[in-house]
Amino acid sequence: MRDKKTDSQGVRIATRKITRSLLYEASQNLPLVEREITTPITTFKAKT
């Protein structure tokens, strides 16, 4: 992204890849609850 030789398409692709990582990290503060779901195998409580 920093390299001046990278064209706009390359900058956009690189930037999106970085933003995805940053967003995953930032969302760690979201509160979780348990929800009962049924998989093809069994029913259990999953965090969401």
ModelCIF file with pLDDT and N, C-alpha, C, O atoms, coordinates in Angstrom:
data_MODEL
#
_entry.id   MODEL 
#
_entity.id                         1 
_entity.type                       polymer 
_entity.pdbx_number_of_molecules   1 
#
_entity_poly.entity_id                      1 
_entity_poly.type                           'polypeptide(L)' 
_entity_poly.nstd_linkage                   no 
_entity_poly.nstd_monomer                   no 
_entity_poly.pdbx_seq_one_letter_code       MRDKKTDSQGVRIATRKITRSLLYEASQNLPLVEREITTPITTFKAKT 
_entity_poly.pdbx_seq_one_letter_code_can   MRDKKTDSQGVRIATRKITRSLLYEASQNLPLVEREITTPITTFKAKT 
_entity_poly.pdbx_strand_id                 A 
#
loop_
_entity_poly_seq.entity_id 
_entity_poly_seq.num 
_entity_poly_seq.mon_id 
_entity_poly_seq.hetero 
1 1  MET n 
1 2  ARG n 
1 3  ASP n 
1 4  LYS n 
1 5  LYS n 
1 6  THR n 
1 7  ASP n 
1 8  SER n 
1 9  GLN n 
1 10 GLY n 
1 11 VAL n 
1 12 ARG n 
1 13 ILE n 
1 14 ALA n 
1 15 THR n 
1 16 ARG n 
1 17 LYS n 
1 18 ILE n 
1 19 THR n 
1 20 ARG n 
1 21 SER n 
1 22 LEU n 
1 23 LEU n 
1 24 TYR n 
1 25 GLU n 
1 26 ALA n 
1 27 SER n 
1 28 GLN n 
1 29 ASN n 
1 30 LEU n 
1 31 PRO n 
1 32 LEU n 
1 33 VAL n 
1 34 GLU n 
1 35 ARG n 
1 36 GLU n 
1 37 ILE n 
1 38 THR n 
1 39 THR n 
1 40 PRO n 
1 41 ILE n 
1 42 THR n 
1 43 THR n 
1 44 PHE n 
1 45 LYS n 
1 46 ALA n 
1 47 LYS n 
1 48 THR n 
#
_struct_asym.id          A 
_struct_asym.entity_id   1 
#
loop_
_ma_qa_metric.id 
_ma_qa_metric.mode 
_ma_qa_metric.name 
_ma_qa_metric.software_group_id 
_ma_qa_metric.type 
1 global pLDDT . pLDDT 
2 local  pLDDT . pLDDT 
#
_ma_qa_metric_global.metric_id      1 
_ma_qa_metric_global.metric_value   94.19 
_ma_qa_metric_global.model_id       1 
_ma_qa_metric_global.ordinal_id     1 
#
loop_
_ma_qa_metric_local.label_asym_id 
_ma_qa_metric_local.label_comp_id 
_ma_qa_metric_local.label_seq_id 
_ma_qa_metric_local.metric_id 
_ma_qa_metric_local.metric_value 
_ma_qa_metric_local.model_id 
_ma_qa_metric_local.ordinal_id 
A MET 1  2 92.00 1 1  
A ARG 2  2 94.00 1 2  
A ASP 3  2 94.00 1 3  
A LYS 4  2 93.00 1 4  
A LYS 5  2 95.00 1 5  
A THR 6  2 93.00 1 6  
A ASP 7  2 92.00 1 7  
A SER 8  2 90.00 1 8  
A GLN 9  2 91.00 1 9  
A GLY 10 2 93.00 1 10 
A VAL 11 2 90.00 1 11 
A ARG 12 2 90.00 1 12 
A ILE 13 2 91.00 1 13 
A ALA 14 2 93.00 1 14 
A THR 15 2 90.00 1 15 
A ARG 16 2 90.00 1 16 
A LYS 17 2 92.00 1 17 
A ILE 18 2 94.00 1 18 
A THR 19 2 92.00 1 19 
A ARG 20 2 92.00 1 20 
A SER 21 2 94.00 1 21 
A LEU 22 2 94.00 1 22 
A LEU 23 2 93.00 1 23 
A TYR 24 2 94.00 1 24 
A GLU 25 2 94.00 1 25 
A ALA 26 2 94.00 1 26 
A SER 27 2 94.00 1 27 
A GLN 28 2 94.00 1 28 
A ASN 29 2 95.00 1 29 
A LEU 30 2 96.00 1 30 
A PRO 31 2 96.00 1 31 
A LEU 32 2 97.00 1 32 
A VAL 33 2 97.00 1 33 
A GLU 34 2 97.00 1 34 
A ARG 35 2 95.00 1 35 
A GLU 36 2 97.00 1 36 
A ILE 37 2 96.00 1 37 
A THR 38 2 97.00 1 38 
A THR 39 2 96.00 1 39 
A PRO 40 2 96.00 1 40 
A ILE 41 2 97.00 1 41 
A THR 42 2 97.00 1 42 
A THR 43 2 97.00 1 43 
A PHE 44 2 96.00 1 44 
A LYS 45 2 97.00 1 45 
A ALA 46 2 97.00 1 46 
A LYS 47 2 97.00 1 47 
A THR 48 2 96.00 1 48 
#
loop_
_atom_site.group_PDB 
_atom_site.id 
_atom_site.type_symbol 
_atom_site.label_atom_id 
_atom_site.label_alt_id 
_atom_site.label_comp_id 
_atom_site.label_asym_id 
_atom_site.label_entity_id 
_atom_site.label_seq_id 
_atom_site.pdbx_PDB_ins_code 
_atom_site.Cartn_x 
_atom_site.Cartn_y 
_atom_site.Cartn_z 
_atom_site.occupancy 
_atom_site.B_iso_or_equiv 
_atom_site.pdbx_formal_charge 
_atom_site.auth_seq_id 
_atom_site.auth_comp_id 
_atom_site.auth_asym_id 
_atom_site.auth_atom_id 
_atom_site.pdbx_PDB_model_num 
ATOM 1   N N  . MET A 1 1  ? 0.819   -1.210  0.000  1.00 92.00 ? 1  MET A N  1 
ATOM 2   C CA . MET A 1 1  ? 0.000   0.000   0.000  1.00 92.00 ? 1  MET A CA 1 
ATOM 3   C C  . MET A 1 1  ? 0.861   1.272   0.000  1.00 92.00 ? 1  MET A C  1 
ATOM 4   O O  . MET A 1 1  ? 0.520   2.263   -0.646 1.00 92.00 ? 1  MET A O  1 
ATOM 5   N N  . ARG A 1 2  ? 1.966   1.227   0.725  1.00 94.00 ? 2  ARG A N  1 
ATOM 6   C CA . ARG A 1 2  ? 2.823   2.408   0.826  1.00 94.00 ? 2  ARG A CA 1 
ATOM 7   C C  . ARG A 1 2  ? 3.611   2.684   -0.459 1.00 94.00 ? 2  ARG A C  1 
ATOM 8   O O  . ARG A 1 2  ? 3.876   3.841   -0.785 1.00 94.00 ? 2  ARG A O  1 
ATOM 9   N N  . ASP A 1 3  ? 3.984   1.632   -1.186 1.00 94.00 ? 3  ASP A N  1 
ATOM 10  C CA . ASP A 1 3  ? 4.875   1.743   -2.349 1.00 94.00 ? 3  ASP A CA 1 
ATOM 11  C C  . ASP A 1 3  ? 4.256   2.656   -3.414 1.00 94.00 ? 3  ASP A C  1 
ATOM 12  O O  . ASP A 1 3  ? 3.140   2.412   -3.873 1.00 94.00 ? 3  ASP A O  1 
ATOM 13  N N  . LYS A 1 4  ? 4.980   3.696   -3.800 1.00 93.00 ? 4  LYS A N  1 
ATOM 14  C CA . LYS A 1 4  ? 4.437   4.646   -4.782 1.00 93.00 ? 4  LYS A CA 1 
ATOM 15  C C  . LYS A 1 4  ? 4.237   4.010   -6.152 1.00 93.00 ? 4  LYS A C  1 
ATOM 16  O O  . LYS A 1 4  ? 3.522   4.560   -6.990 1.00 93.00 ? 4  LYS A O  1 
ATOM 17  N N  . LYS A 1 5  ? 4.860   2.858   -6.390 1.00 95.00 ? 5  LYS A N  1 
ATOM 18  C CA . LYS A 1 5  ? 4.701   2.171   -7.672 1.00 95.00 ? 5  LYS A CA 1 
ATOM 19  C C  . LYS A 1 5  ? 3.419   1.349   -7.738 1.00 95.00 ? 5  LYS A C  1 
ATOM 20  O O  . LYS A 1 5  ? 3.034   0.899   -8.817 1.00 95.00 ? 5  LYS A O  1 
ATOM 21  N N  . THR A 1 6  ? 2.751   1.146   -6.602 1.00 93.00 ? 6  THR A N  1 
ATOM 22  C CA . THR A 1 6  ? 1.512   0.374   -6.584 1.00 93.00 ? 6  THR A CA 1 
ATOM 23  C C  . THR A 1 6  ? 0.377   1.219   -7.151 1.00 93.00 ? 6  THR A C  1 
ATOM 24  O O  . THR A 1 6  ? 0.154   2.344   -6.705 1.00 93.00 ? 6  THR A O  1 
ATOM 25  N N  . ASP A 1 7  ? -0.346  0.671   -8.143 1.00 92.00 ? 7  ASP A N  1 
ATOM 26  C CA . ASP A 1 7  ? -1.452  1.435   -8.739 1.00 92.00 ? 7  ASP A CA 1 
ATOM 27  C C  . ASP A 1 7  ? -2.666  1.437   -7.804 1.00 92.00 ? 7  ASP A C  1 
ATOM 28  O O  . ASP A 1 7  ? -2.655  0.780   -6.763 1.00 92.00 ? 7  ASP A O  1 
ATOM 29  N N  . SER A 1 8  ? -3.709  2.179   -8.183 1.00 90.00 ? 8  SER A N  1 
ATOM 30  C CA . SER A 1 8  ? -4.872  2.346   -7.312 1.00 90.00 ? 8  SER A CA 1 
ATOM 31  C C  . SER A 1 8  ? -5.569  1.029   -7.009 1.00 90.00 ? 8  SER A C  1 
ATOM 32  O O  . SER A 1 8  ? -6.012  0.803   -5.883 1.00 90.00 ? 8  SER A O  1 
ATOM 33  N N  . GLN A 1 9  ? -5.668  0.161   -8.007 1.00 91.00 ? 9  GLN A N  1 
ATOM 34  C CA . GLN A 1 9  ? -6.283  -1.135  -7.764 1.00 91.00 ? 9  GLN A CA 1 
ATOM 35  C C  . GLN A 1 9  ? -5.483  -1.918  -6.720 1.00 91.00 ? 9  GLN A C  1 
ATOM 36  O O  . GLN A 1 9  ? -6.054  -2.523  -5.813 1.00 91.00 ? 9  GLN A O  1 
ATOM 37  N N  . GLY A 1 10 ? -4.168  -1.897  -6.859 1.00 93.00 ? 10 GLY A N  1 
ATOM 38  C CA . GLY A 1 10 ? -3.314  -2.593  -5.900 1.00 93.00 ? 10 GLY A CA 1 
ATOM 39  C C  . GLY A 1 10 ? -3.433  -2.007  -4.503 1.00 93.00 ? 10 GLY A C  1 
ATOM 40  O O  . GLY A 1 10 ? -3.446  -2.740  -3.514 1.00 93.00 ? 10 GLY A O  1 
ATOM 41  N N  . VAL A 1 11 ? -3.522  -0.671  -4.423 1.00 90.00 ? 11 VAL A N  1 
ATOM 42  C CA . VAL A 1 11 ? -3.690  -0.005  -3.123 1.00 90.00 ? 11 VAL A CA 1 
ATOM 43  C C  . VAL A 1 11 ? -5.017  -0.415  -2.490 1.00 90.00 ? 11 VAL A C  1 
ATOM 44  O O  . VAL A 1 11 ? -5.076  -0.703  -1.294 1.00 90.00 ? 11 VAL A O  1 
ATOM 45  N N  . ARG A 1 12 ? -6.078  -0.439  -3.292 1.00 90.00 ? 12 ARG A N  1 
ATOM 46  C CA . ARG A 1 12 ? -7.396  -0.806  -2.754 1.00 90.00 ? 12 ARG A CA 1 
ATOM 47  C C  . ARG A 1 12 ? -7.403  -2.238  -2.227 1.00 90.00 ? 12 ARG A C  1 
ATOM 48  O O  . ARG A 1 12 ? -7.925  -2.498  -1.143 1.00 90.00 ? 12 ARG A O  1 
ATOM 49  N N  . ILE A 1 13 ? -6.834  -3.158  -2.982 1.00 91.00 ? 13 ILE A N  1 
ATOM 50  C CA . ILE A 1 13 ? -6.812  -4.560  -2.564 1.00 91.00 ? 13 ILE A CA 1 
ATOM 51  C C  . ILE A 1 13 ? -6.022  -4.719  -1.265 1.00 91.00 ? 13 ILE A C  1 
ATOM 52  O O  . ILE A 1 13 ? -6.472  -5.381  -0.330 1.00 91.00 ? 13 ILE A O  1 
ATOM 53  N N  . ALA A 1 14 ? -4.846  -4.106  -1.220 1.00 93.00 ? 14 ALA A N  1 
ATOM 54  C CA . ALA A 1 14 ? -4.015  -4.200  -0.017 1.00 93.00 ? 14 ALA A CA 1 
ATOM 55  C C  . ALA A 1 14 ? -4.713  -3.568  1.179  1.00 93.00 ? 14 ALA A C  1 
ATOM 56  O O  . ALA A 1 14 ? -4.685  -4.108  2.285  1.00 93.00 ? 14 ALA A O  1 
ATOM 57  N N  . THR A 1 15 ? -5.338  -2.422  0.946  1.00 90.00 ? 15 THR A N  1 
ATOM 58  C CA . THR A 1 15 ? -6.013  -1.710  2.034  1.00 90.00 ? 15 THR A CA 1 
ATOM 59  C C  . THR A 1 15 ? -7.157  -2.543  2.597  1.00 90.00 ? 15 THR A C  1 
ATOM 60  O O  . THR A 1 15 ? -7.333  -2.618  3.813  1.00 90.00 ? 15 THR A O  1 
ATOM 61  N N  . ARG A 1 16 ? -7.931  -3.166  1.723  1.00 90.00 ? 16 ARG A N  1 
ATOM 62  C CA . ARG A 1 16 ? -9.056  -3.986  2.192  1.00 90.00 ? 16 ARG A CA 1 
ATOM 63  C C  . ARG A 1 16 ? -8.572  -5.159  3.038  1.00 90.00 ? 16 ARG A C  1 
ATOM 64  O O  . ARG A 1 16 ? -9.200  -5.503  4.039  1.00 90.00 ? 16 ARG A O  1 
ATOM 65  N N  . LYS A 1 17 ? -7.483  -5.759  2.649  1.00 92.00 ? 17 LYS A N  1 
ATOM 66  C CA . LYS A 1 17 ? -6.950  -6.883  3.426  1.00 92.00 ? 17 LYS A CA 1 
ATOM 67  C C  . LYS A 1 17 ? -6.531  -6.425  4.824  1.00 92.00 ? 17 LYS A C  1 
ATOM 68  O O  . LYS A 1 17 ? -6.748  -7.132  5.807  1.00 92.00 ? 17 LYS A O  1 
ATOM 69  N N  . ILE A 1 18 ? -5.932  -5.241  4.902  1.00 94.00 ? 18 ILE A N  1 
ATOM 70  C CA . ILE A 1 18 ? -5.539  -4.700  6.207  1.00 94.00 ? 18 ILE A CA 1 
ATOM 71  C C  . ILE A 1 18 ? -6.774  -4.355  7.034  1.00 94.00 ? 18 ILE A C  1 
ATOM 72  O O  . ILE A 1 18 ? -6.844  -4.676  8.220  1.00 94.00 ? 18 ILE A O  1 
ATOM 73  N N  . THR A 1 19 ? -7.744  -3.700  6.402  1.00 92.00 ? 19 THR A N  1 
ATOM 74  C CA . THR A 1 19 ? -8.930  -3.274  7.164  1.00 92.00 ? 19 THR A CA 1 
ATOM 75  C C  . THR A 1 19 ? -9.679  -4.469  7.745  1.00 92.00 ? 19 THR A C  1 
ATOM 76  O O  . THR A 1 19 ? -10.236 -4.379  8.839  1.00 92.00 ? 19 THR A O  1 
ATOM 77  N N  . ARG A 1 20 ? -9.695  -5.577  7.028  1.00 92.00 ? 20 ARG A N  1 
ATOM 78  C CA . ARG A 1 20 ? -10.376 -6.764  7.557  1.00 92.00 ? 20 ARG A CA 1 
ATOM 79  C C  . ARG A 1 20 ? -9.703  -7.225  8.855  1.00 92.00 ? 20 ARG A C  1 
ATOM 80  O O  . ARG A 1 20 ? -10.384 -7.541  9.830  1.00 92.00 ? 20 ARG A O  1 
ATOM 81  N N  . SER A 1 21 ? -8.379  -7.262  8.866  1.00 94.00 ? 21 SER A N  1 
ATOM 82  C CA . SER A 1 21 ? -7.662  -7.666  10.076 1.00 94.00 ? 21 SER A CA 1 
ATOM 83  C C  . SER A 1 21 ? -7.933  -6.705  11.231 1.00 94.00 ? 21 SER A C  1 
ATOM 84  O O  . SER A 1 21 ? -8.137  -7.129  12.368 1.00 94.00 ? 21 SER A O  1 
ATOM 85  N N  . LEU A 1 22 ? -7.932  -5.414  10.930 1.00 94.00 ? 22 LEU A N  1 
ATOM 86  C CA . LEU A 1 22 ? -8.162  -4.415  11.975 1.00 94.00 ? 22 LEU A CA 1 
ATOM 87  C C  . LEU A 1 22 ? -9.578  -4.509  12.535 1.00 94.00 ? 22 LEU A C  1 
ATOM 88  O O  . LEU A 1 22 ? -9.784  -4.370  13.741 1.00 94.00 ? 22 LEU A O  1 
ATOM 89  N N  . LEU A 1 23 ? -10.544 -4.741  11.666 1.00 93.00 ? 23 LEU A N  1 
ATOM 90  C CA . LEU A 1 23 ? -11.934 -4.848  12.110 1.00 93.00 ? 23 LEU A CA 1 
ATOM 91  C C  . LEU A 1 23 ? -12.151 -6.071  12.994 1.00 93.00 ? 23 LEU A C  1 
ATOM 92  O O  . LEU A 1 23 ? -12.884 -6.004  13.981 1.00 93.00 ? 23 LEU A O  1 
ATOM 93  N N  . TYR A 1 24 ? -11.516 -7.183  12.644 1.00 94.00 ? 24 TYR A N  1 
ATOM 94  C CA . TYR A 1 24 ? -11.611 -8.371  13.494 1.00 94.00 ? 24 TYR A CA 1 
ATOM 95  C C  . TYR A 1 24 ? -11.083 -8.069  14.893 1.00 94.00 ? 24 TYR A C  1 
ATOM 96  O O  . TYR A 1 24 ? -11.694 -8.457  15.888 1.00 94.00 ? 24 TYR A O  1 
ATOM 97  N N  . GLU A 1 25 ? -9.954  -7.380  14.968 1.00 94.00 ? 25 GLU A N  1 
ATOM 98  C CA . GLU A 1 25 ? -9.369  -7.048  16.263 1.00 94.00 ? 25 GLU A CA 1 
ATOM 99  C C  . GLU A 1 25 ? -10.259 -6.088  17.040 1.00 94.00 ? 25 GLU A C  1 
ATOM 100 O O  . GLU A 1 25 ? -10.475 -6.260  18.239 1.00 94.00 ? 25 GLU A O  1 
ATOM 101 N N  . ALA A 1 26 ? -10.771 -5.079  16.350 1.00 94.00 ? 26 ALA A N  1 
ATOM 102 C CA . ALA A 1 26 ? -11.590 -4.069  17.018 1.00 94.00 ? 26 ALA A CA 1 
ATOM 103 C C  . ALA A 1 26 ? -12.873 -4.658  17.599 1.00 94.00 ? 26 ALA A C  1 
ATOM 104 O O  . ALA A 1 26 ? -13.355 -4.204  18.637 1.00 94.00 ? 26 ALA A O  1 
ATOM 105 N N  . SER A 1 27 ? -13.423 -5.668  16.932 1.00 94.00 ? 27 SER A N  1 
ATOM 106 C CA . SER A 1 27 ? -14.723 -6.225  17.347 1.00 94.00 ? 27 SER A CA 1 
ATOM 107 C C  . SER A 1 27 ? -14.634 -7.131  18.568 1.00 94.00 ? 27 SER A C  1 
ATOM 108 O O  . SER A 1 27 ? -15.641 -7.687  19.005 1.00 94.00 ? 27 SER A O  1 
ATOM 109 N N  . GLN A 1 28 ? -13.436 -7.281  19.117 1.00 94.00 ? 28 GLN A N  1 
ATOM 110 C CA . GLN A 1 28 ? -13.296 -8.130  20.296 1.00 94.00 ? 28 GLN A CA 1 
ATOM 111 C C  . GLN A 1 28 ? -14.046 -7.597  21.509 1.00 94.00 ? 28 GLN A C  1 
ATOM 112 O O  . GLN A 1 28 ? -14.266 -8.331  22.472 1.00 94.00 ? 28 GLN A O  1 
ATOM 113 N N  . ASN A 1 29 ? -14.442 -6.324  21.471 1.00 95.00 ? 29 ASN A N  1 
ATOM 114 C CA . ASN A 1 29 ? -15.162 -5.762  22.621 1.00 95.00 ? 29 ASN A CA 1 
ATOM 115 C C  . ASN A 1 29 ? -16.667 -6.007  22.571 1.00 95.00 ? 29 ASN A C  1 
ATOM 116 O O  . ASN A 1 29 ? -17.383 -5.613  23.492 1.00 95.00 ? 29 ASN A O  1 
ATOM 117 N N  . LEU A 1 30 ? -17.157 -6.646  21.516 1.00 96.00 ? 30 LEU A N  1 
ATOM 118 C CA . LEU A 1 30 ? -18.597 -6.872  21.411 1.00 96.00 ? 30 LEU A CA 1 
ATOM 119 C C  . LEU A 1 30 ? -19.056 -7.922  22.426 1.00 96.00 ? 30 LEU A C  1 
ATOM 120 O O  . LEU A 1 30 ? -18.411 -8.960  22.575 1.00 96.00 ? 30 LEU A O  1 
ATOM 121 N N  . PRO A 1 31 ? -20.170 -7.657  23.125 1.00 96.00 ? 31 PRO A N  1 
ATOM 122 C CA . PRO A 1 31 ? -20.653 -8.606  24.132 1.00 96.00 ? 31 PRO A CA 1 
ATOM 123 C C  . PRO A 1 31 ? -21.258 -9.852  23.491 1.00 96.00 ? 31 PRO A C  1 
ATOM 124 O O  . PRO A 1 31 ? -21.840 -9.790  22.408 1.00 96.00 ? 31 PRO A O  1 
ATOM 125 N N  . LEU A 1 32 ? -21.110 -10.977 24.173 1.00 97.00 ? 32 LEU A N  1 
ATOM 126 C CA . LEU A 1 32 ? -21.588 -12.260 23.667 1.00 97.00 ? 32 LEU A CA 1 
ATOM 127 C C  . LEU A 1 32 ? -22.733 -12.791 24.527 1.00 97.00 ? 32 LEU A C  1 
ATOM 128 O O  . LEU A 1 32 ? -22.841 -12.487 25.715 1.00 97.00 ? 32 LEU A O  1 
ATOM 129 N N  . VAL A 1 33 ? -23.572 -13.584 23.894 1.00 97.00 ? 33 VAL A N  1 
ATOM 130 C CA . VAL A 1 33 ? -24.628 -14.321 24.604 1.00 97.00 ? 33 VAL A CA 1 
ATOM 131 C C  . VAL A 1 33 ? -24.606 -15.764 24.107 1.00 97.00 ? 33 VAL A C  1 
ATOM 132 O O  . VAL A 1 33 ? -24.003 -16.076 23.080 1.00 97.00 ? 33 VAL A O  1 
ATOM 133 N N  . GLU A 1 34 ? -25.270 -16.626 24.853 1.00 97.00 ? 34 GLU A N  1 
ATOM 134 C CA . GLU A 1 34 ? -25.396 -18.019 24.410 1.00 97.00 ? 34 GLU A CA 1 
ATOM 135 C C  . GLU A 1 34 ? -26.728 -18.224 23.709 1.00 97.00 ? 34 GLU A C  1 
ATOM 136 O O  . GLU A 1 34 ? -27.760 -17.697 24.124 1.00 97.00 ? 34 GLU A O  1 
ATOM 137 N N  . ARG A 1 35 ? -26.679 -19.000 22.639 1.00 95.00 ? 35 ARG A N  1 
ATOM 138 C CA . ARG A 1 35 ? -27.890 -19.299 21.871 1.00 95.00 ? 35 ARG A CA 1 
ATOM 139 C C  . ARG A 1 35 ? -27.932 -20.796 21.597 1.00 95.00 ? 35 ARG A C  1 
ATOM 140 O O  . ARG A 1 35 ? -26.932 -21.399 21.209 1.00 95.00 ? 35 ARG A O  1 
ATOM 141 N N  . GLU A 1 36 ? -29.084 -21.372 21.802 1.00 97.00 ? 36 GLU A N  1 
ATOM 142 C CA . GLU A 1 36 ? -29.219 -22.813 21.550 1.00 97.00 ? 36 GLU A CA 1 
ATOM 143 C C  . GLU A 1 36 ? -29.420 -23.058 20.063 1.00 97.00 ? 36 GLU A C  1 
ATOM 144 O O  . GLU A 1 36 ? -30.340 -22.511 19.453 1.00 97.00 ? 36 GLU A O  1 
ATOM 145 N N  . ILE A 1 37 ? -28.554 -23.883 19.482 1.00 96.00 ? 37 ILE A N  1 
ATOM 146 C CA . ILE A 1 37 ? -28.683 -24.224 18.060 1.00 96.00 ? 37 ILE A CA 1 
ATOM 147 C C  . ILE A 1 37 ? -28.576 -25.739 17.892 1.00 96.00 ? 37 ILE A C  1 
ATOM 148 O O  . ILE A 1 37 ? -28.074 -26.454 18.759 1.00 96.00 ? 37 ILE A O  1 
ATOM 149 N N  . THR A 1 38 ? -29.062 -26.189 16.757 1.00 97.00 ? 38 THR A N  1 
ATOM 150 C CA . THR A 1 38 ? -28.993 -27.617 16.447 1.00 97.00 ? 38 THR A CA 1 
ATOM 151 C C  . THR A 1 38 ? -28.116 -27.822 15.221 1.00 97.00 ? 38 THR A C  1 
ATOM 152 O O  . THR A 1 38 ? -28.413 -27.310 14.142 1.00 97.00 ? 38 THR A O  1 
ATOM 153 N N  . THR A 1 39 ? -27.054 -28.559 15.391 1.00 96.00 ? 39 THR A N  1 
ATOM 154 C CA . THR A 1 39 ? -26.188 -28.928 14.268 1.00 96.00 ? 39 THR A CA 1 
ATOM 155 C C  . THR A 1 39 ? -26.722 -30.230 13.665 1.00 96.00 ? 39 THR A C  1 
ATOM 156 O O  . THR A 1 39 ? -27.675 -30.787 14.209 1.00 96.00 ? 39 THR A O  1 
ATOM 157 N N  . PRO A 1 40 ? -26.159 -30.735 12.578 1.00 96.00 ? 40 PRO A N  1 
ATOM 158 C CA . PRO A 1 40 ? -26.575 -32.049 12.064 1.00 96.00 ? 40 PRO A CA 1 
ATOM 159 C C  . PRO A 1 40 ? -26.325 -33.187 13.050 1.00 96.00 ? 40 PRO A C  1 
ATOM 160 O O  . PRO A 1 40 ? -26.815 -34.300 12.859 1.00 96.00 ? 40 PRO A O  1 
ATOM 161 N N  . ILE A 1 41 ? -25.555 -32.903 14.113 1.00 97.00 ? 41 ILE A N  1 
ATOM 162 C CA . ILE A 1 41 ? -25.197 -33.958 15.059 1.00 97.00 ? 41 ILE A CA 1 
ATOM 163 C C  . ILE A 1 41 ? -25.975 -33.871 16.365 1.00 97.00 ? 41 ILE A C  1 
ATOM 164 O O  . ILE A 1 41 ? -26.441 -34.883 16.887 1.00 97.00 ? 41 ILE A O  1 
ATOM 165 N N  . THR A 1 42 ? -26.116 -32.626 16.902 1.00 97.00 ? 42 THR A N  1 
ATOM 166 C CA . THR A 1 42 ? -26.728 -32.488 18.226 1.00 97.00 ? 42 THR A CA 1 
ATOM 167 C C  . THR A 1 42 ? -27.195 -31.055 18.454 1.00 97.00 ? 42 THR A C  1 
ATOM 168 O O  . THR A 1 42 ? -26.993 -30.175 17.617 1.00 97.00 ? 42 THR A O  1 
ATOM 169 N N  . THR A 1 43 ? -27.817 -30.846 19.593 1.00 97.00 ? 43 THR A N  1 
ATOM 170 C CA . THR A 1 43 ? -28.218 -29.501 20.023 1.00 97.00 ? 43 THR A CA 1 
ATOM 171 C C  . THR A 1 43 ? -27.294 -29.049 21.157 1.00 97.00 ? 43 THR A C  1 
ATOM 172 O O  . THR A 1 43 ? -27.009 -29.813 22.080 1.00 97.00 ? 43 THR A O  1 
ATOM 173 N N  . PHE A 1 44 ? -26.828 -27.792 21.075 1.00 96.00 ? 44 PHE A N  1 
ATOM 174 C CA . PHE A 1 44 ? -25.962 -27.283 22.148 1.00 96.00 ? 44 PHE A CA 1 
ATOM 175 C C  . PHE A 1 44 ? -26.049 -25.764 22.184 1.00 96.00 ? 44 PHE A C  1 
ATOM 176 O O  . PHE A 1 44 ? -26.666 -25.149 21.314 1.00 96.00 ? 44 PHE A O  1 
ATOM 177 N N  . LYS A 1 45 ? -25.428 -25.164 23.192 1.00 97.00 ? 45 LYS A N  1 
ATOM 178 C CA . LYS A 1 45 ? -25.427 -23.714 23.338 1.00 97.00 ? 45 LYS A CA 1 
ATOM 179 C C  . LYS A 1 45 ? -24.129 -23.141 22.778 1.00 97.00 ? 45 LYS A C  1 
ATOM 180 O O  . LYS A 1 45 ? -23.034 -23.489 23.218 1.00 97.00 ? 45 LYS A O  1 
ATOM 181 N N  . ALA A 1 46 ? -24.280 -22.257 21.801 1.00 97.00 ? 46 ALA A N  1 
ATOM 182 C CA . ALA A 1 46 ? -23.130 -21.630 21.146 1.00 97.00 ? 46 ALA A CA 1 
ATOM 183 C C  . ALA A 1 46 ? -23.084 -20.146 21.492 1.00 97.00 ? 46 ALA A C  1 
ATOM 184 O O  . ALA A 1 46 ? -24.121 -19.513 21.690 1.00 97.00 ? 46 ALA A O  1 
ATOM 185 N N  . LYS A 1 47 ? -21.889 -19.606 21.561 1.00 97.00 ? 47 LYS A N  1 
ATOM 186 C CA . LYS A 1 47 ? -21.742 -18.176 21.812 1.00 97.00 ? 47 LYS A CA 1 
ATOM 187 C C  . LYS A 1 47 ? -21.894 -17.390 20.512 1.00 97.00 ? 47 LYS A C  1 
ATOM 188 O O  . LYS A 1 47 ? -21.436 -17.821 19.454 1.00 97.00 ? 47 LYS A O  1 
ATOM 189 N N  . THR A 1 48 ? -22.544 -16.230 20.610 1.00 96.00 ? 48 THR A N  1 
ATOM 190 C CA . THR A 1 48 ? -22.723 -15.374 19.451 1.00 96.00 ? 48 THR A CA 1 
ATOM 191 C C  . THR A 1 48 ? -22.816 -13.925 19.923 1.00 96.00 ? 48 THR A C  1 
ATOM 192 O O  . THR A 1 48 ? -22.970 -13.018 19.106 1.00 96.00 ? 48 THR A O  1 
#
